[in-house]
Amino acid sequence: MLLAPLLLASPQIDTPVLWACQAEHLFQGSYALLHAGYDVSMGGDFDGDGRRDLLLGGMNPWEASPGDLGGVLLFTAPFAAARGDEAAPPARLLLRGGRGGERFGWSAALVGDLDGDGRSDIAVGAPRAYAGGLPREPENEGQAWDERGCVYLYLSGELPLEGEGALQPGEVLKADRASLVIAGDRPGARLGWTLIGLPDLDGDGRAELALGAPGGLLGAPEGGGSVALICSRSLAAERGRSVRSGLPRSLGSLRARCFHGLGPNDRLGLRLAWYPGVLDPERAGERAPRWPAGLLAGAPQLIQVPPRTQGADGNHYLPTGDGYALLIPGRGLLGDEIPPQRIDPPLPGGRGYFGFALAGDFDADGDGLADLLIGEPNFDAAPDDESLRSHGRATLLSGADGRPLASLVGSQAGAEFGWAVAGLGRASDDPCDDYAVAARLYSPGQPVAQQPPCPSDVKLGSPAAGGVFWYEGQPGSDAQGAALPPRLRLLFLGQDGRDRLGLALCRAGDLDGDGFEDLCAASPAWPDDVRGKPEWEEVGRCYLFRLGPSAEARAGRAGPAPSSLAEAAQRQRQAGEGRGGR
């Protein structure tokens, strides 16, 4: 197989740059230590007005803190135009966890219409929850850490927006308001680590639900992870039988169809994505995709060990293999005897957590077939040098024949390029879809803002503001058959020393009607206001960047981050004057 060349994701001095404070919209956590933006979803419409809404998951990682219940924020369109230093719009709803330490909000998604009322429903993961059914009394708290995991479902049909009992703007919903709670099937399963809604597979007009349970509990028997598919019919039947007992329902009672990892440390289900197969039948013609439409599940092969340094999630991982992804066909999800297809890294030996990040809903080479983008944030560009670890890599695979269209390698050690990926749809003037790759610990190499130094900067050795790389799709090959590499179109940079911009990415759709897709990028460690405060109040933020040809016109060039929106605007004016005012 002819492999695409390795390309360094190395922005040059003239690379267009947009700093976080230049985003068109921002959304912010509502209280300290929430870490809003640990997960982000913008694929559904909760209030039924025909426009996409935004969901931010936040979980507090510090066990002893008062706010460690975790929370999820729902913002409904139209979004207020808040930018830079301006006040962020308030959330429409705040969902709060029911018990400390569960990691409620680790994952959160608008999962489509599960109950048939025409509005999107909400699913929230709590992968460290105890699901044994014991009364929630103080004497049972010592048993709360078996990490079976739970998923909380909030069905929009049971949350009215008008009339008697309507939800008020800014209302707080506790965990006991969930319509249904689904429990992991074994200790250490970590159900709810990730979750997504799927298209209607069984023909009842309602979406389906996919849940990841990668496992990996410290000190527990190792398991290969699993993925559970729950059809909306099973959810409706179980909801009709259930009562508000506060006890979770089992995967068995929901008749979930489960798929398991192939080896003991595979961590299947750590990431999930939907792969549609054919995106444009007219352009695809008679060609069939390499993989059928189905559920894409990542299996980065790793084990969890005690942390070397305290990070945002308190975890440290070591690879046990290269990792892989499974493509489970849609008919196979429903029970047909169709085996999943394994996707391995085209360049083995990297041990980079292949499958840690997934995207499959875009067409990078313009042939009408969906392509795959798979991240490996632990990939080592120089594996023999301990100081040059975790450059990261992202591999773009052709949906036509599975060949690699590009293999992008991070240019900065420790930046974890490939931590998150996203297909962007059409964000350029050509028929090829663009895509984004995040490096959550990327350092611009320049002073990031006029802020007091962050204590973590010393510990981590870099500002770690984070960066998101926007690539322009290209046709698969030129006239001579040589691969055409994607072009780095723009770089989005976090503004403060511990932003972690890009820890979560989300395709936002075309919000402004200009024909081009937009992008959401989260910074879960954003400090509410560190000026003059003794410690960081990590409320978290999410930024909405409008893409298209106008993005480069708004961007500046590589250099120190602006300290405010006013400074960013001044730079924009100066850049415009330098281009002749265009």
Protein backbone atom coordinates (compact mmCIF):
# COMPACT_ATOMS: atom_id res chain seq x y z
CA MET A 1 0.00 0.00 0.00
CA LEU A 2 1.29 3.43 -0.97
CA LEU A 3 1.36 5.53 2.17
CA ALA A 4 0.78 9.23 2.37
CA PRO A 5 3.79 11.21 3.48
CA LEU A 6 4.23 12.21 7.10
CA LEU A 7 3.50 15.90 7.48
CA LEU A 8 4.52 17.99 10.45
CA ALA A 9 1.74 20.12 11.89
CA SER A 10 4.09 23.04 12.25
CA PRO A 11 2.62 26.51 11.78
CA GLN A 12 4.95 29.03 10.17
CA ILE A 13 5.36 32.62 11.21
CA ASP A 14 2.90 33.68 8.51
CA THR A 15 0.22 31.14 9.46
CA PRO A 16 -3.08 32.94 10.03
CA VAL A 17 -4.01 32.83 13.73
CA LEU A 18 -7.24 33.47 15.60
CA TRP A 19 -6.95 33.75 19.37
CA ALA A 20 -9.76 32.55 21.58
CA CYS A 21 -10.78 36.08 22.49
CA GLN A 22 -11.53 36.68 18.79
CA ALA A 23 -14.24 34.01 18.62
CA GLU A 24 -17.69 35.21 17.59
CA HIS A 25 -19.43 33.64 20.57
CA LEU A 26 -18.37 32.34 23.94
CA PHE A 27 -20.12 30.21 26.53
CA GLN A 28 -18.93 29.92 30.09
CA GLY A 29 -19.37 27.71 33.13
CA SER A 30 -21.62 29.06 35.84
CA TYR A 31 -19.54 28.26 38.92
CA ALA A 32 -15.97 27.62 39.99
CA LEU A 33 -14.27 24.31 39.23
CA LEU A 34 -17.03 23.11 36.88
CA HIS A 35 -14.64 22.68 33.93
CA ALA A 36 -17.46 23.36 31.48
CA GLY A 37 -16.48 22.13 28.04
CA TYR A 38 -15.03 18.80 29.08
CA ASP A 39 -17.46 17.59 26.47
CA VAL A 40 -19.38 19.58 23.89
CA SER A 41 -22.33 18.71 21.67
CA MET A 42 -24.11 20.79 19.04
CA GLY A 43 -26.00 18.24 16.99
CA GLY A 44 -29.58 18.63 18.18
CA ASP A 45 -32.50 20.93 18.87
CA PHE A 46 -33.80 20.70 22.44
CA ASP A 47 -36.41 23.47 22.31
CA GLY A 48 -37.88 22.53 18.92
CA ASP A 49 -37.33 25.86 17.17
CA GLY A 50 -35.45 24.33 14.23
CA ARG A 51 -32.02 25.64 15.30
CA ARG A 52 -29.06 23.83 16.82
CA ASP A 53 -28.53 24.17 20.55
CA LEU A 54 -25.29 23.77 22.49
CA LEU A 55 -24.58 21.40 25.38
CA LEU A 56 -21.49 21.71 27.58
CA GLY A 57 -20.50 18.92 29.92
CA GLY A 58 -18.48 19.81 33.01
CA MET A 59 -17.11 17.64 35.77
CA ASN A 60 -15.18 18.68 38.79
CA PRO A 61 -11.99 16.57 39.11
CA TRP A 62 -11.16 17.43 42.71
CA GLU A 63 -12.75 14.96 45.08
CA ALA A 64 -12.94 17.15 48.16
CA SER A 65 -14.23 20.33 46.57
CA PRO A 66 -17.74 21.59 47.37
CA GLY A 67 -18.78 21.66 43.74
CA ASP A 68 -17.69 18.17 42.76
CA LEU A 69 -21.20 17.05 41.80
CA GLY A 70 -20.53 18.02 38.19
CA GLY A 71 -22.90 19.82 35.86
CA VAL A 72 -24.12 20.20 32.27
CA LEU A 73 -25.12 23.52 30.69
CA LEU A 74 -27.67 23.89 27.89
CA PHE A 75 -27.57 27.01 25.69
CA THR A 76 -30.41 27.50 23.21
CA ALA A 77 -30.27 29.45 19.95
CA PRO A 78 -30.17 32.27 19.04
CA PHE A 79 -26.93 32.85 20.85
CA ALA A 80 -26.06 36.22 22.29
CA ALA A 81 -23.08 37.85 20.61
CA ALA A 82 -20.62 37.80 23.49
CA ARG A 83 -16.91 37.85 22.70
CA GLY A 84 -13.57 38.27 24.37
CA ASP A 85 -13.97 40.12 27.65
CA GLU A 86 -17.74 40.59 27.27
CA ALA A 87 -20.22 38.81 29.50
CA ALA A 88 -21.16 35.32 28.36
CA PRO A 89 -24.88 34.57 27.86
CA PRO A 90 -26.63 32.65 30.64
CA ALA A 91 -27.47 28.98 30.22
CA ARG A 92 -31.06 27.92 29.54
CA LEU A 93 -30.71 24.93 31.88
CA LEU A 94 -28.18 23.57 34.36
CA LEU A 95 -28.19 19.84 35.06
CA ARG A 96 -26.46 18.89 38.33
CA GLY A 97 -25.11 15.54 39.44
CA GLY A 98 -26.63 13.72 42.38
CA ARG A 99 -23.55 12.53 44.23
CA GLY A 100 -19.96 13.69 44.57
CA GLY A 101 -17.19 11.90 42.68
CA GLU A 102 -19.40 10.34 39.98
CA ARG A 103 -17.93 12.59 37.25
CA PHE A 104 -21.41 13.64 36.17
CA GLY A 105 -20.87 15.66 32.97
CA TRP A 106 -17.73 13.81 31.85
CA SER A 107 -19.71 13.19 28.66
CA ALA A 108 -22.85 14.97 27.48
CA ALA A 109 -24.70 15.00 24.19
CA LEU A 110 -27.86 16.08 22.43
CA VAL A 111 -28.62 12.60 21.16
CA GLY A 112 -31.54 13.20 18.83
CA ASP A 113 -35.21 12.43 19.33
CA LEU A 114 -35.46 9.27 21.45
CA ASP A 115 -39.08 9.70 22.60
CA GLY A 116 -40.73 10.84 19.38
CA ASP A 117 -41.80 14.34 20.45
CA GLY A 118 -39.85 16.12 17.70
CA ARG A 119 -37.22 17.54 20.06
CA SER A 120 -33.69 16.35 20.86
CA ASP A 121 -33.11 14.62 24.18
CA ILE A 122 -30.10 14.87 26.48
CA ALA A 123 -27.79 12.11 27.73
CA VAL A 124 -25.17 12.68 30.45
CA GLY A 125 -22.44 10.24 31.45
CA ALA A 126 -21.10 9.70 34.97
CA PRO A 127 -18.40 7.03 34.41
CA ARG A 128 -17.30 6.78 38.04
CA ALA A 129 -20.76 6.24 39.48
CA TYR A 130 -21.62 3.39 41.80
CA ALA A 131 -24.62 1.57 40.44
CA GLY A 132 -25.19 -1.18 42.96
CA GLY A 133 -28.59 0.05 44.06
CA LEU A 134 -27.67 0.67 47.68
CA PRO A 135 -29.54 3.41 49.50
CA ARG A 136 -27.77 6.71 49.23
CA GLU A 137 -26.84 6.87 52.89
CA PRO A 138 -23.57 8.02 54.45
CA GLU A 139 -22.66 4.51 55.61
CA ASN A 140 -22.63 3.34 51.99
CA GLU A 141 -20.35 6.02 50.69
CA GLY A 142 -17.30 3.79 51.06
CA GLN A 143 -18.74 1.53 48.38
CA ALA A 144 -19.29 4.34 45.93
CA TRP A 145 -16.15 3.81 43.89
CA ASP A 146 -16.70 0.59 41.97
CA GLU A 147 -16.97 2.74 38.81
CA ARG A 148 -19.69 0.81 37.03
CA GLY A 149 -20.76 4.11 35.58
CA CYS A 150 -24.21 5.51 34.82
CA VAL A 151 -25.90 7.38 32.00
CA TYR A 152 -28.67 9.86 32.84
CA LEU A 153 -31.36 10.44 30.18
CA TYR A 154 -33.41 13.63 30.14
CA LEU A 155 -36.27 13.15 27.68
CA SER A 156 -37.52 16.44 26.28
CA GLY A 157 -41.11 15.18 26.29
CA GLU A 158 -40.99 15.13 30.10
CA LEU A 159 -39.43 18.60 30.35
CA PRO A 160 -42.07 21.06 29.06
CA LEU A 161 -41.02 24.49 27.87
CA GLU A 162 -44.52 26.01 27.96
CA GLY A 163 -47.62 25.75 30.12
CA GLU A 164 -47.95 24.32 33.61
CA GLY A 165 -44.67 23.05 35.04
CA ALA A 166 -42.62 24.66 32.26
CA LEU A 167 -38.88 24.92 32.77
CA GLN A 168 -37.84 28.42 33.70
CA PRO A 169 -34.78 30.10 32.12
CA GLY A 170 -31.69 29.19 34.14
CA GLU A 171 -33.51 26.45 36.07
CA VAL A 172 -31.39 23.84 37.85
CA LEU A 173 -32.39 20.20 37.36
CA LYS A 174 -30.99 17.71 39.83
CA ALA A 175 -30.11 14.16 38.88
CA ASP A 176 -33.37 12.81 40.29
CA ARG A 177 -35.21 14.68 37.49
CA ALA A 178 -33.68 12.32 34.92
CA SER A 179 -36.25 10.29 33.00
CA LEU A 180 -34.11 7.16 33.10
CA VAL A 181 -30.76 6.11 34.59
CA ILE A 182 -28.78 3.32 32.91
CA ALA A 183 -26.15 1.43 34.90
CA GLY A 184 -22.94 -0.31 33.91
CA ASP A 185 -23.03 -4.09 34.06
CA ARG A 186 -19.86 -4.72 36.07
CA PRO A 187 -17.40 -3.01 38.42
CA GLY A 188 -14.87 -0.95 36.51
CA ALA A 189 -16.98 -0.77 33.33
CA ARG A 190 -17.09 3.06 33.35
CA LEU A 191 -20.31 3.20 31.35
CA GLY A 192 -20.90 6.70 30.04
CA TRP A 193 -17.28 7.54 29.34
CA THR A 194 -18.61 8.54 25.94
CA LEU A 195 -22.04 8.51 24.32
CA ILE A 196 -23.67 9.56 21.06
CA GLY A 197 -27.05 9.49 19.35
CA LEU A 198 -27.39 7.45 16.15
CA PRO A 199 -29.75 7.78 13.17
CA ASP A 200 -32.97 5.77 13.14
CA LEU A 201 -31.86 2.16 12.53
CA ASP A 202 -35.04 0.19 13.19
CA GLY A 203 -37.49 2.32 11.20
CA ASP A 204 -39.58 3.69 14.07
CA GLY A 205 -38.72 7.32 13.28
CA ARG A 206 -36.68 7.83 16.44
CA ALA A 207 -32.96 7.97 17.14
CA GLU A 208 -30.94 5.23 18.82
CA LEU A 209 -28.39 5.52 21.63
CA ALA A 210 -24.79 4.26 21.74
CA LEU A 211 -22.82 4.12 25.02
CA GLY A 212 -19.12 3.47 25.59
CA ALA A 213 -17.75 1.55 28.60
CA PRO A 214 -13.96 1.34 28.08
CA GLY A 215 -13.18 0.03 31.58
CA GLY A 216 -9.76 0.57 33.13
CA LEU A 217 -10.37 0.84 36.87
CA LEU A 218 -7.24 0.96 38.97
CA GLY A 219 -6.70 -2.34 40.74
CA ALA A 220 -9.62 -4.10 39.01
CA PRO A 221 -9.38 -7.00 36.59
CA GLU A 222 -8.59 -5.63 33.19
CA GLY A 223 -11.23 -5.78 30.51
CA GLY A 224 -11.26 -4.92 26.87
CA GLY A 225 -14.04 -2.38 27.04
CA SER A 226 -17.44 -2.53 25.39
CA VAL A 227 -20.02 -0.62 23.38
CA ALA A 228 -23.77 -0.86 24.01
CA LEU A 229 -26.49 -0.02 21.50
CA ILE A 230 -29.93 0.74 22.96
CA CYS A 231 -32.81 1.14 20.53
CA SER A 232 -35.46 3.76 21.17
CA ARG A 233 -38.15 1.05 21.31
CA SER A 234 -36.42 -0.54 24.29
CA LEU A 235 -36.09 2.83 25.98
CA ALA A 236 -39.80 3.53 25.51
CA ALA A 237 -40.81 0.13 26.85
CA GLU A 238 -38.59 0.38 29.90
CA ARG A 239 -39.67 3.94 30.60
CA GLY A 240 -43.27 2.82 30.52
CA ARG A 241 -42.59 0.16 33.16
CA SER A 242 -40.27 2.17 35.37
CA VAL A 243 -41.11 4.29 38.37
CA ARG A 244 -39.13 7.09 39.90
CA SER A 245 -37.36 4.85 42.37
CA GLY A 246 -34.01 6.51 41.88
CA LEU A 247 -32.48 3.12 41.03
CA PRO A 248 -30.75 2.68 37.68
CA ARG A 249 -31.90 0.26 34.99
CA SER A 250 -29.60 -2.42 33.70
CA LEU A 251 -28.36 -2.88 30.16
CA GLY A 252 -30.06 -6.28 30.21
CA SER A 253 -33.47 -4.83 31.03
CA LEU A 254 -33.04 -2.45 28.10
CA ARG A 255 -32.11 -5.32 25.77
CA ALA A 256 -28.90 -3.57 24.83
CA ARG A 257 -26.78 -5.16 22.10
CA CYS A 258 -23.17 -5.17 23.32
CA PHE A 259 -19.85 -5.44 21.50
CA HIS A 260 -16.61 -6.14 23.34
CA GLY A 261 -12.93 -5.39 22.86
CA LEU A 262 -10.78 -8.06 21.23
CA GLY A 263 -8.09 -8.05 23.94
CA PRO A 264 -7.78 -7.39 27.70
CA ASN A 265 -6.51 -3.78 27.43
CA ASP A 266 -8.23 -2.65 24.25
CA ARG A 267 -10.48 0.02 25.87
CA LEU A 268 -13.14 -0.35 23.21
CA GLY A 269 -15.70 2.42 23.58
CA LEU A 270 -13.36 5.15 24.75
CA ARG A 271 -14.55 7.14 21.70
CA LEU A 272 -17.59 6.76 19.46
CA ALA A 273 -18.60 8.34 16.15
CA TRP A 274 -21.14 7.67 13.40
CA TYR A 275 -19.84 6.81 9.94
CA PRO A 276 -22.47 7.55 7.23
CA GLY A 277 -20.72 5.80 4.30
CA VAL A 278 -22.12 7.76 1.31
CA LEU A 279 -22.51 11.52 1.78
CA ASP A 280 -23.24 12.62 -1.79
CA PRO A 281 -24.73 9.88 -4.02
CA GLU A 282 -24.40 12.03 -7.13
CA ARG A 283 -20.65 12.50 -6.72
CA ALA A 284 -20.11 8.95 -5.47
CA GLY A 285 -21.84 7.45 -8.50
CA GLU A 286 -21.65 3.66 -8.57
CA ARG A 287 -18.75 3.46 -6.13
CA ALA A 288 -19.37 1.75 -2.81
CA PRO A 289 -17.56 2.94 0.32
CA ARG A 290 -14.75 0.89 1.83
CA TRP A 291 -16.75 0.59 5.03
CA PRO A 292 -20.54 0.41 5.32
CA ALA A 293 -22.50 2.96 7.32
CA GLY A 294 -22.27 2.14 10.99
CA LEU A 295 -20.88 2.90 14.42
CA LEU A 296 -17.19 3.71 14.68
CA ALA A 297 -15.68 2.73 18.06
CA GLY A 298 -12.13 3.51 19.14
CA ALA A 299 -9.99 0.99 21.03
CA PRO A 300 -6.73 2.69 22.09
CA GLN A 301 -4.80 -0.07 23.81
CA LEU A 302 -3.60 1.20 27.19
CA ILE A 303 -3.55 0.70 30.95
CA GLN A 304 -4.12 3.26 33.66
CA VAL A 305 -1.41 3.85 36.24
CA PRO A 306 -1.09 6.31 39.14
CA PRO A 307 -0.49 9.84 37.86
CA ARG A 308 3.01 11.22 37.59
CA THR A 309 1.65 14.72 37.95
CA GLN A 310 -1.82 15.77 38.89
CA GLY A 311 -3.66 16.59 35.72
CA ALA A 312 -7.20 17.68 34.97
CA ASP A 313 -8.47 14.12 35.19
CA GLY A 314 -5.88 12.77 37.65
CA ASN A 315 -4.98 9.91 35.29
CA HIS A 316 -1.88 8.70 33.56
CA TYR A 317 -1.85 6.01 30.88
CA LEU A 318 0.70 3.70 29.31
CA PRO A 319 0.26 2.04 25.90
CA THR A 320 0.06 -1.73 25.57
CA GLY A 321 -0.27 -1.72 21.78
CA ASP A 322 -0.92 0.50 18.78
CA GLY A 323 -4.70 0.60 19.17
CA TYR A 324 -7.39 0.18 16.54
CA ALA A 325 -10.95 1.12 15.64
CA LEU A 326 -13.99 -1.06 14.96
CA LEU A 327 -16.58 -0.22 12.34
CA ILE A 328 -19.81 -1.96 13.37
CA PRO A 329 -22.25 -1.96 10.39
CA GLY A 330 -25.73 -0.60 11.04
CA ARG A 331 -27.38 -3.96 10.31
CA GLY A 332 -24.91 -5.62 12.64
CA LEU A 333 -26.00 -3.24 15.37
CA LEU A 334 -29.55 -4.53 15.00
CA GLY A 335 -28.54 -8.17 15.32
CA ASP A 336 -27.69 -9.35 11.83
CA GLU A 337 -24.67 -11.63 11.72
CA ILE A 338 -22.37 -9.06 10.15
CA PRO A 339 -18.96 -8.96 11.84
CA PRO A 340 -17.37 -5.61 12.71
CA GLN A 341 -14.45 -4.47 10.57
CA ARG A 342 -11.17 -3.71 12.31
CA ILE A 343 -9.21 -0.61 11.25
CA ASP A 344 -5.53 -0.59 12.23
CA PRO A 345 -3.05 2.28 11.94
CA PRO A 346 -1.43 2.29 8.47
CA LEU A 347 1.95 2.93 10.11
CA PRO A 348 2.20 0.43 12.99
CA GLY A 349 4.56 0.67 15.90
CA GLY A 350 3.62 4.16 17.08
CA ARG A 351 1.79 2.97 20.23
CA GLY A 352 0.05 6.33 20.12
CA TYR A 353 -3.49 5.36 21.22
CA PHE A 354 -4.87 4.94 17.70
CA GLY A 355 -8.64 5.36 18.05
CA PHE A 356 -8.47 7.90 20.88
CA ALA A 357 -10.29 10.47 18.70
CA LEU A 358 -12.65 9.79 15.78
CA ALA A 359 -14.51 11.65 13.04
CA GLY A 360 -16.29 10.13 10.05
CA ASP A 361 -18.99 12.55 8.89
CA PHE A 362 -17.07 14.50 6.25
CA ASP A 363 -15.62 14.11 2.75
CA ALA A 364 -12.05 15.43 2.67
CA ASP A 365 -11.26 14.47 -0.94
CA GLY A 366 -14.57 15.43 -2.55
CA ASP A 367 -15.50 12.00 -3.97
CA GLY A 368 -18.92 11.80 -2.28
CA LEU A 369 -17.83 9.12 0.22
CA ALA A 370 -17.27 9.80 3.91
CA ASP A 371 -13.64 9.66 5.08
CA LEU A 372 -12.19 8.78 8.48
CA LEU A 373 -10.00 10.93 10.72
CA ILE A 374 -8.41 9.11 13.67
CA GLY A 375 -6.28 10.71 16.38
CA GLU A 376 -3.28 9.30 18.26
CA PRO A 377 -2.30 11.88 20.91
CA ASN A 378 0.42 9.68 22.42
CA PHE A 379 2.32 9.10 19.17
CA ASP A 380 6.06 9.69 19.59
CA ALA A 381 7.83 11.42 16.75
CA ALA A 382 11.13 10.47 18.45
CA PRO A 383 10.35 7.31 20.47
CA ASP A 384 13.93 6.84 21.67
CA ASP A 385 14.06 10.22 23.38
CA GLU A 386 12.10 10.39 26.67
CA SER A 387 11.98 14.20 26.48
CA LEU A 388 10.30 14.19 23.07
CA ARG A 389 7.16 12.23 23.81
CA SER A 390 3.51 12.72 22.87
CA HIS A 391 3.87 14.73 19.69
CA GLY A 392 0.67 13.10 18.54
CA ARG A 393 -0.62 12.14 15.13
CA ALA A 394 -3.83 12.26 13.10
CA THR A 395 -4.43 9.91 10.17
CA LEU A 396 -6.88 10.66 7.36
CA LEU A 397 -8.22 7.53 5.62
CA SER A 398 -10.06 7.43 2.29
CA GLY A 399 -13.64 6.25 2.45
CA ALA A 400 -13.26 4.81 -1.07
CA ASP A 401 -10.46 2.30 -0.49
CA GLY A 402 -9.13 2.83 3.05
CA ARG A 403 -5.76 4.19 1.93
CA PRO A 404 -4.18 6.99 3.98
CA LEU A 405 -4.71 10.38 2.41
CA ALA A 406 -2.51 12.11 4.99
CA SER A 407 -0.62 11.34 8.17
CA LEU A 408 -0.19 14.50 10.20
CA VAL A 409 2.35 14.49 13.04
CA GLY A 410 2.45 17.10 15.78
CA SER A 411 5.47 19.37 15.72
CA GLN A 412 5.66 19.99 19.46
CA ALA A 413 6.63 17.41 22.08
CA GLY A 414 4.03 16.91 24.78
CA ALA A 415 1.31 18.84 22.92
CA GLU A 416 -0.85 15.73 22.32
CA PHE A 417 -1.80 16.61 18.75
CA GLY A 418 -4.79 14.43 17.84
CA TRP A 419 -6.44 14.58 21.27
CA ALA A 420 -9.67 15.62 19.52
CA VAL A 421 -10.67 15.71 15.85
CA ALA A 422 -13.70 16.95 13.95
CA GLY A 423 -14.99 16.90 10.39
CA LEU A 424 -16.08 20.40 9.43
CA GLY A 425 -18.05 19.84 6.30
CA ARG A 426 -17.71 22.52 3.67
CA ALA A 427 -15.65 25.32 5.22
CA SER A 428 -13.80 26.37 2.05
CA ASP A 429 -14.66 27.45 -1.48
CA ASP A 430 -13.92 24.03 -3.01
CA PRO A 431 -16.06 20.84 -2.98
CA CYS A 432 -13.79 19.10 -0.44
CA ASP A 433 -14.73 19.14 3.23
CA ASP A 434 -12.33 20.58 5.79
CA TYR A 435 -11.43 19.14 9.18
CA ALA A 436 -9.80 20.11 12.47
CA VAL A 437 -7.24 18.50 14.78
CA ALA A 438 -6.67 19.70 18.35
CA ALA A 439 -3.50 19.68 20.45
CA ARG A 440 -4.78 20.43 23.95
CA LEU A 441 -1.31 21.12 25.43
CA TYR A 442 0.06 23.12 22.52
CA SER A 443 2.15 26.14 23.45
CA PRO A 444 2.30 29.07 21.02
CA GLY A 445 5.92 29.66 21.95
CA GLN A 446 5.13 33.28 22.75
CA PRO A 447 3.74 35.01 25.83
CA VAL A 448 0.09 33.99 25.78
CA ALA A 449 -1.47 36.90 27.63
CA GLN A 450 -0.81 39.62 30.13
CA GLN A 451 -1.93 37.45 33.02
CA PRO A 452 -0.30 36.45 36.30
CA PRO A 453 1.75 33.27 35.87
CA CYS A 454 -0.21 30.06 36.35
CA PRO A 455 1.23 27.72 38.98
CA SER A 456 0.76 24.80 36.61
CA ASP A 457 3.02 26.42 34.03
CA VAL A 458 6.05 25.57 36.12
CA LYS A 459 4.87 22.03 36.72
CA LEU A 460 3.90 21.31 33.13
CA GLY A 461 6.85 23.12 31.59
CA SER A 462 4.78 25.05 29.04
CA PRO A 463 1.91 27.50 28.96
CA ALA A 464 -0.29 24.79 27.42
CA ALA A 465 -2.82 27.25 26.06
CA GLY A 466 -3.89 24.66 23.51
CA GLY A 467 -4.38 24.91 19.76
CA VAL A 468 -6.79 23.76 17.07
CA PHE A 469 -5.44 23.23 13.54
CA TRP A 470 -7.87 23.82 10.67
CA TYR A 471 -6.99 21.86 7.52
CA GLU A 472 -8.43 22.35 4.07
CA GLY A 473 -9.44 19.14 2.30
CA GLN A 474 -7.84 18.27 -1.05
CA PRO A 475 -8.61 15.87 -3.91
CA GLY A 476 -7.10 12.47 -3.22
CA SER A 477 -4.34 12.70 -5.84
CA ASP A 478 -3.02 14.84 -8.68
CA ALA A 479 -2.87 13.93 -12.37
CA GLN A 480 0.21 11.78 -11.76
CA GLY A 481 -1.43 9.87 -8.89
CA ALA A 482 0.64 11.50 -6.16
CA ALA A 483 -1.11 12.28 -2.87
CA LEU A 484 -2.09 15.89 -2.33
CA PRO A 485 -1.46 16.95 1.25
CA PRO A 486 -4.06 19.03 3.07
CA ARG A 487 -3.26 22.67 3.61
CA LEU A 488 -3.06 24.15 7.10
CA ARG A 489 -5.48 27.00 6.66
CA LEU A 490 -5.64 28.56 10.11
CA LEU A 491 -4.58 28.01 13.71
CA PHE A 492 -6.84 28.74 16.69
CA LEU A 493 -4.97 29.41 19.94
CA GLY A 494 -5.98 29.50 23.58
CA GLN A 495 -5.34 32.78 25.29
CA ASP A 496 -4.45 31.93 28.88
CA GLY A 497 -1.78 29.70 30.28
CA ARG A 498 -4.01 26.79 31.19
CA ASP A 499 -6.83 27.03 28.65
CA ARG A 500 -6.41 23.58 27.10
CA LEU A 501 -8.21 24.87 23.99
CA GLY A 502 -9.37 21.91 21.96
CA LEU A 503 -9.83 19.35 24.71
CA ALA A 504 -13.23 18.89 23.05
CA LEU A 505 -14.28 19.82 19.51
CA CYS A 506 -17.65 19.88 17.85
CA ARG A 507 -18.94 20.57 14.35
CA ALA A 508 -21.38 23.46 14.73
CA GLY A 509 -23.12 23.54 11.34
CA ASP A 510 -23.71 26.69 9.33
CA LEU A 511 -25.01 29.07 11.99
CA ASP A 512 -24.85 32.33 10.06
CA GLY A 513 -26.22 31.08 6.74
CA ASP A 514 -23.13 31.92 4.70
CA GLY A 515 -22.82 28.39 3.25
CA PHE A 516 -19.84 27.43 5.37
CA GLU A 517 -19.59 25.28 8.48
CA ASP A 518 -18.62 26.63 11.91
CA LEU A 519 -16.65 25.13 14.80
CA CYS A 520 -16.97 24.84 18.59
CA ALA A 521 -13.78 24.40 20.63
CA ALA A 522 -13.76 24.04 24.41
CA SER A 523 -11.32 25.27 27.07
CA PRO A 524 -12.38 23.43 30.25
CA ALA A 525 -9.68 24.97 32.42
CA TRP A 526 -10.53 28.60 31.64
CA PRO A 527 -10.11 30.77 34.77
CA ASP A 528 -13.10 32.97 35.53
CA ASP A 529 -10.95 35.89 36.62
CA VAL A 530 -7.43 35.20 37.77
CA ARG A 531 -6.39 38.81 38.12
CA GLY A 532 -5.62 39.39 41.76
CA LYS A 533 -6.98 36.03 42.88
CA PRO A 534 -4.84 33.54 44.78
CA GLU A 535 -6.00 30.49 42.82
CA TRP A 536 -7.61 29.50 39.57
CA GLU A 537 -11.38 29.22 39.38
CA GLU A 538 -11.63 26.85 36.46
CA VAL A 539 -15.20 27.50 35.31
CA GLY A 540 -14.45 26.45 31.73
CA ARG A 541 -15.40 28.00 28.41
CA CYS A 542 -16.46 27.05 24.90
CA TYR A 543 -15.78 29.21 21.84
CA LEU A 544 -17.75 29.29 18.61
CA PHE A 545 -15.60 30.20 15.60
CA ARG A 546 -17.27 31.09 12.32
CA LEU A 547 -15.32 29.62 9.42
CA GLY A 548 -15.36 30.19 5.68
CA PRO A 549 -13.27 32.59 3.58
CA SER A 550 -13.86 35.44 6.02
CA ALA A 551 -11.96 33.65 8.80
CA GLU A 552 -8.53 34.38 7.32
CA ALA A 553 -9.56 37.98 6.77
CA ARG A 554 -10.23 38.27 10.50
CA ALA A 555 -7.05 36.47 11.50
CA GLY A 556 -3.70 37.94 12.34
CA ARG A 557 -0.30 36.32 12.14
CA ALA A 558 1.64 34.33 14.66
CA GLY A 559 2.73 36.41 17.65
CA PRO A 560 1.82 37.19 21.26
CA ALA A 561 -1.81 36.80 22.17
CA PRO A 562 -3.88 39.95 22.52
CA SER A 563 -4.69 40.75 26.11
CA SER A 564 -8.21 41.89 25.30
CA LEU A 565 -10.82 42.06 22.57
CA ALA A 566 -9.89 45.70 21.95
CA GLU A 567 -6.29 44.76 21.23
CA ALA A 568 -7.45 41.95 18.94
CA ALA A 569 -9.62 44.41 16.99
CA GLN A 570 -6.72 46.83 16.67
CA ARG A 571 -4.55 44.05 15.23
CA GLN A 572 -7.29 43.21 12.75
CA ARG A 573 -7.46 46.84 11.57
CA GLN A 574 -3.70 46.97 11.20
CA ALA A 575 -3.70 43.71 9.22
CA GLY A 576 -6.39 45.09 6.94
CA GLU A 577 -4.39 48.24 6.31
CA GLY A 578 -1.37 46.10 5.49
CA ARG A 579 -3.40 44.25 2.85
CA GLY A 580 -4.56 47.50 1.30
CA GLY A 581 -7.71 47.75 3.36
CA ARG A 582 -9.33 44.70 1.83
